[in-house]
């Protein structure tokens, strides 16, 4: 089993990026991969102490099989609440090989996701993130580029 982790902020919401992400998710789903949405918390620019808001599924346009919330949104969880789960924990709990998993990230905090998957993909034009991708030889998906959801020919997957 493989998974594609979509660790996305809310910066690049143009129709072209949404279409690219939907196509990548659909390609993974048709290949039998688990589509996992990693909800990143956006820190509000308002008053100190404002709660961060998680990016919604509707905003991203990606239908997920599993949703991870790696960072708590508020105070410590109440008894019975599920604790946050990281990408590494999800890979381990699901018995997956990290080298066969994919990661799609559009913000620098998502580098932790890209560092644990074998097929990292940078989405968008964030200068710091694309420089990091260039230095590691990772593909960068841009608005006009076809999504890169495969790592080599199907026989090598």
C-alpha atoms as a PDB file:
ATOM      1  CA  UNK A   1       0.000   0.000   0.000  1.00  0.00           C
ATOM      2  CA  UNK A   2       1.124   3.544  -0.782  1.00  0.00           C
ATOM      3  CA  UNK A   3      -0.132   6.961   0.229  1.00  0.00           C
ATOM      4  CA  UNK A   4      -0.056  10.455  -1.205  1.00  0.00           C
ATOM      5  CA  UNK A   5       0.102  13.092   1.531  1.00  0.00           C
ATOM      6  CA  UNK A   6      -1.272  16.519   0.567  1.00  0.00           C
ATOM      7  CA  UNK A   7       0.158  18.950   3.144  1.00  0.00           C
ATOM      8  CA  UNK A   8      -1.242  22.228   1.873  1.00  0.00           C
ATOM      9  CA  UNK A   9      -1.669  25.751   3.149  1.00  0.00           C
ATOM     10  CA  UNK A  10      -4.102  28.177   1.559  1.00  0.00           C
ATOM     11  CA  UNK A  11      -1.801  30.431  -0.457  1.00  0.00           C
ATOM     12  CA  UNK A  12      -2.207  28.960  -3.927  1.00  0.00           C
ATOM     13  CA  UNK A  13      -5.908  28.659  -4.491  1.00  0.00           C
ATOM     14  CA  UNK A  14      -6.048  29.570  -8.166  1.00  0.00           C
ATOM     15  CA  UNK A  15      -8.245  27.285 -10.295  1.00  0.00           C
ATOM     16  CA  UNK A  16      -5.083  25.986 -12.014  1.00  0.00           C
ATOM     17  CA  UNK A  17      -3.483  24.806  -8.754  1.00  0.00           C
ATOM     18  CA  UNK A  18      -6.765  23.308  -7.566  1.00  0.00           C
ATOM     19  CA  UNK A  19      -7.101  21.426 -10.855  1.00  0.00           C
ATOM     20  CA  UNK A  20      -3.498  20.200 -10.636  1.00  0.00           C
ATOM     21  CA  UNK A  21      -4.082  18.945  -7.084  1.00  0.00           C
ATOM     22  CA  UNK A  22      -7.389  17.278  -7.969  1.00  0.00           C
ATOM     23  CA  UNK A  23      -5.752  15.535 -10.942  1.00  0.00           C
ATOM     24  CA  UNK A  24      -2.856  14.329  -8.787  1.00  0.00           C
ATOM     25  CA  UNK A  25      -5.271  13.022  -6.138  1.00  0.00           C
ATOM     26  CA  UNK A  26      -7.381  11.296  -8.818  1.00  0.00           C
ATOM     27  CA  UNK A  27      -4.271   9.687 -10.335  1.00  0.00           C
ATOM     28  CA  UNK A  28      -3.200   8.358  -6.944  1.00  0.00           C
ATOM     29  CA  UNK A  29      -6.686   7.091  -6.180  1.00  0.00           C
ATOM     30  CA  UNK A  30      -6.871   5.292  -9.556  1.00  0.00           C
ATOM     31  CA  UNK A  31      -3.492   3.674  -8.770  1.00  0.00           C
ATOM     32  CA  UNK A  32      -4.952   2.358  -5.498  1.00  0.00           C
ATOM     33  CA  UNK A  33      -3.036   4.799  -3.298  1.00  0.00           C
ATOM     34  CA  UNK A  34      -4.465   6.195  -0.079  1.00  0.00           C
ATOM     35  CA  UNK A  35      -5.103   9.956  -0.459  1.00  0.00           C
ATOM     36  CA  UNK A  36      -4.248  11.686   2.811  1.00  0.00           C
ATOM     37  CA  UNK A  37      -4.896  15.336   3.570  1.00  0.00           C
ATOM     38  CA  UNK A  38      -2.601  16.866   6.186  1.00  0.00           C
ATOM     39  CA  UNK A  39      -4.449  19.879   7.587  1.00  0.00           C
ATOM     40  CA  UNK A  40      -1.964  22.620   8.287  1.00  0.00           C
ATOM     41  CA  UNK A  41      -2.912  25.370  10.672  1.00  0.00           C
ATOM     42  CA  UNK A  42      -2.885  28.915   9.362  1.00  0.00           C
ATOM     43  CA  UNK A  43      -1.984  31.416  12.059  1.00  0.00           C
ATOM     44  CA  UNK A  44      -4.397  34.367  11.937  1.00  0.00           C
ATOM     45  CA  UNK A  45      -2.898  37.766  11.250  1.00  0.00           C
ATOM     46  CA  UNK A  46      -5.310  39.414  13.679  1.00  0.00           C
ATOM     47  CA  UNK A  47      -4.984  39.719  17.395  1.00  0.00           C
ATOM     48  CA  UNK A  48      -2.514  37.671  19.430  1.00  0.00           C
ATOM     49  CA  UNK A  49      -4.273  34.688  20.940  1.00  0.00           C
ATOM     50  CA  UNK A  50      -6.645  34.201  17.971  1.00  0.00           C
ATOM     51  CA  UNK A  51      -7.136  30.498  17.218  1.00  0.00           C
ATOM     52  CA  UNK A  52      -5.515  29.160  14.072  1.00  0.00           C
ATOM     53  CA  UNK A  53      -7.903  27.790  11.477  1.00  0.00           C
ATOM     54  CA  UNK A  54      -7.379  24.536   9.603  1.00  0.00           C
ATOM     55  CA  UNK A  55      -7.671  24.659   5.836  1.00  0.00           C
ATOM     56  CA  UNK A  56     -10.966  23.053   4.818  1.00  0.00           C
ATOM     57  CA  UNK A  57     -11.419  20.145   2.417  1.00  0.00           C
ATOM     58  CA  UNK A  58     -13.753  22.228   0.254  1.00  0.00           C
ATOM     59  CA  UNK A  59     -11.139  24.955  -0.121  1.00  0.00           C
ATOM     60  CA  UNK A  60      -8.528  22.468  -1.308  1.00  0.00           C
ATOM     61  CA  UNK A  61     -10.755  20.567  -3.690  1.00  0.00           C
ATOM     62  CA  UNK A  62      -9.111  17.272  -2.709  1.00  0.00           C
ATOM     63  CA  UNK A  63     -11.279  14.370  -1.565  1.00  0.00           C
ATOM     64  CA  UNK A  64      -9.304  12.553   1.109  1.00  0.00           C
ATOM     65  CA  UNK A  65      -9.455   8.951   2.320  1.00  0.00           C
ATOM     66  CA  UNK A  66      -7.803  10.014   5.581  1.00  0.00           C
ATOM     67  CA  UNK A  67      -7.280  13.407   7.240  1.00  0.00           C
ATOM     68  CA  UNK A  68      -4.380  14.120   9.595  1.00  0.00           C
ATOM     69  CA  UNK A  69      -4.203  17.035  11.971  1.00  0.00           C
ATOM     70  CA  UNK A  70      -0.544  17.028  13.053  1.00  0.00           C
ATOM     71  CA  UNK A  71      -0.739  20.244  15.089  1.00  0.00           C
ATOM     72  CA  UNK A  72      -3.290  20.765  17.866  1.00  0.00           C
ATOM     73  CA  UNK A  73      -5.727  23.610  17.148  1.00  0.00           C
ATOM     74  CA  UNK A  74      -6.302  24.606  20.723  1.00  0.00           C
ATOM     75  CA  UNK A  75      -5.582  23.776  24.322  1.00  0.00           C
ATOM     76  CA  UNK A  76      -4.675  20.217  25.319  1.00  0.00           C
ATOM     77  CA  UNK A  77      -7.188  17.619  24.202  1.00  0.00           C
ATOM     78  CA  UNK A  78     -10.013  16.575  26.481  1.00  0.00           C
ATOM     79  CA  UNK A  79     -10.157  12.943  27.606  1.00  0.00           C
ATOM     80  CA  UNK A  80     -11.461  10.822  24.732  1.00  0.00           C
ATOM     81  CA  UNK A  81     -10.252  13.228  22.010  1.00  0.00           C
ATOM     82  CA  UNK A  82      -7.851  11.811  19.459  1.00  0.00           C
ATOM     83  CA  UNK A  83      -4.323  13.239  19.727  1.00  0.00           C
ATOM     84  CA  UNK A  84      -2.659  14.826  16.678  1.00  0.00           C
ATOM     85  CA  UNK A  85      -1.073  12.325  14.257  1.00  0.00           C
ATOM     86  CA  UNK A  86       2.016  13.112  12.208  1.00  0.00           C
ATOM     87  CA  UNK A  87       2.809  11.814   8.739  1.00  0.00           C
ATOM     88  CA  UNK A  88       5.505   9.524  10.167  1.00  0.00           C
ATOM     89  CA  UNK A  89       3.047   8.071  12.686  1.00  0.00           C
ATOM     90  CA  UNK A  90       0.436   7.509   9.960  1.00  0.00           C
ATOM     91  CA  UNK A  91       2.964   5.737   7.709  1.00  0.00           C
ATOM     92  CA  UNK A  92       4.033   3.536  10.629  1.00  0.00           C
ATOM     93  CA  UNK A  93       0.499   2.762  11.843  1.00  0.00           C
ATOM     94  CA  UNK A  94      -0.641   1.867   8.311  1.00  0.00           C
ATOM     95  CA  UNK A  95       2.421  -0.336   7.721  1.00  0.00           C
ATOM     96  CA  UNK A  96       3.612   1.571   4.664  1.00  0.00           C
ATOM     97  CA  UNK A  97       7.075   1.955   3.199  1.00  0.00           C
ATOM     98  CA  UNK A  98       7.884   5.694   3.362  1.00  0.00           C
ATOM     99  CA  UNK A  99      10.050   5.364   0.230  1.00  0.00           C
ATOM    100  CA  UNK A 100       6.964   4.484  -1.817  1.00  0.00           C
ATOM    101  CA  UNK A 101       4.820   7.343  -0.465  1.00  0.00           C
ATOM    102  CA  UNK A 102       4.288  10.737  -2.102  1.00  0.00           C
ATOM    103  CA  UNK A 103       4.115  14.192  -0.569  1.00  0.00           C
ATOM    104  CA  UNK A 104       2.629  17.377  -2.036  1.00  0.00           C
ATOM    105  CA  UNK A 105       3.469  20.596  -0.165  1.00  0.00           C
ATOM    106  CA  UNK A 106       2.948  24.302  -0.880  1.00  0.00           C
ATOM    107  CA  UNK A 107       4.388  25.880   2.301  1.00  0.00           C
ATOM    108  CA  UNK A 108       7.740  25.717   4.113  1.00  0.00           C
ATOM    109  CA  UNK A 109       6.278  24.136   7.252  1.00  0.00           C
ATOM    110  CA  UNK A 110       5.448  21.181   5.002  1.00  0.00           C
ATOM    111  CA  UNK A 111       9.129  20.368   4.531  1.00  0.00           C
ATOM    112  CA  UNK A 112       8.798  17.901   7.392  1.00  0.00           C
ATOM    113  CA  UNK A 113       6.317  15.945   5.230  1.00  0.00           C
ATOM    114  CA  UNK A 114       8.613  16.027   2.208  1.00  0.00           C
ATOM    115  CA  UNK A 115      11.552  14.846   4.292  1.00  0.00           C
ATOM    116  CA  UNK A 116       9.877  11.536   5.191  1.00  0.00           C
ATOM    117  CA  UNK A 117       8.411  10.442   1.834  1.00  0.00           C
ATOM    118  CA  UNK A 118      10.308   8.927  -1.072  1.00  0.00           C
ATOM    119  CA  UNK A 119       8.529  10.988  -3.739  1.00  0.00           C
ATOM    120  CA  UNK A 120       8.345  14.641  -2.637  1.00  0.00           C
ATOM    121  CA  UNK A 121       6.495  17.188  -4.806  1.00  0.00           C
ATOM    122  CA  UNK A 122       6.495  20.952  -4.253  1.00  0.00           C
ATOM    123  CA  UNK A 123       3.338  22.786  -5.335  1.00  0.00           C
ATOM    124  CA  UNK A 124       3.492  26.473  -6.227  1.00  0.00           C
ATOM    125  CA  UNK A 125       6.019  29.223  -6.382  1.00  0.00           C
ATOM    126  CA  UNK A 126       7.116  29.942  -2.807  1.00  0.00           C
ATOM    127  CA  UNK A 127      10.745  31.087  -3.364  1.00  0.00           C
ATOM    128  CA  UNK A 128      12.162  29.441  -0.225  1.00  0.00           C
ATOM    129  CA  UNK A 129      10.344  26.175  -0.880  1.00  0.00           C
ATOM    130  CA  UNK A 130      11.264  26.028  -4.574  1.00  0.00           C
ATOM    131  CA  UNK A 131      14.911  26.770  -3.743  1.00  0.00           C
ATOM    132  CA  UNK A 132      14.845  23.862  -1.304  1.00  0.00           C
ATOM    133  CA  UNK A 133      13.253  21.656  -3.978  1.00  0.00           C
ATOM    134  CA  UNK A 134      15.883  22.672  -6.530  1.00  0.00           C
ATOM    135  CA  UNK A 135      18.706  21.868  -4.134  1.00  0.00           C
ATOM    136  CA  UNK A 136      17.256  18.377  -3.519  1.00  0.00           C
ATOM    137  CA  UNK A 137      16.181  17.658  -7.107  1.00  0.00           C
ATOM    138  CA  UNK A 138      12.483  17.506  -6.193  1.00  0.00           C
ATOM    139  CA  UNK A 139       9.839  18.232  -8.848  1.00  0.00           C
ATOM    140  CA  UNK A 140       8.006  21.562  -8.568  1.00  0.00           C
ATOM    141  CA  UNK A 141       4.432  21.615  -9.843  1.00  0.00           C
ATOM    142  CA  UNK A 142       3.422  24.963 -11.263  1.00  0.00           C
ATOM    143  CA  UNK A 143       0.105  26.201 -12.593  1.00  0.00           C
ATOM    144  CA  UNK A 144       0.815  25.296 -16.209  1.00  0.00           C
ATOM    145  CA  UNK A 145       2.593  21.997 -15.500  1.00  0.00           C
ATOM    146  CA  UNK A 146       0.936  18.581 -15.552  1.00  0.00           C
ATOM    147  CA  UNK A 147       0.911  16.947 -12.106  1.00  0.00           C
ATOM    148  CA  UNK A 148       3.812  14.602 -11.434  1.00  0.00           C
ATOM    149  CA  UNK A 149       2.125  11.778  -9.533  1.00  0.00           C
ATOM    150  CA  UNK A 150       4.307   8.897 -10.662  1.00  0.00           C
ATOM    151  CA  UNK A 151       7.865   7.989  -9.837  1.00  0.00           C
ATOM    152  CA  UNK A 152       9.050   6.280 -12.992  1.00  0.00           C
ATOM    153  CA  UNK A 153       7.250   3.766 -15.144  1.00  0.00           C
ATOM    154  CA  UNK A 154       4.374   1.779 -13.586  1.00  0.00           C
ATOM    155  CA  UNK A 155       6.546  -1.331 -13.302  1.00  0.00           C
ATOM    156  CA  UNK A 156       8.938   0.475 -10.936  1.00  0.00           C
ATOM    157  CA  UNK A 157       6.211   1.456  -8.483  1.00  0.00           C
END
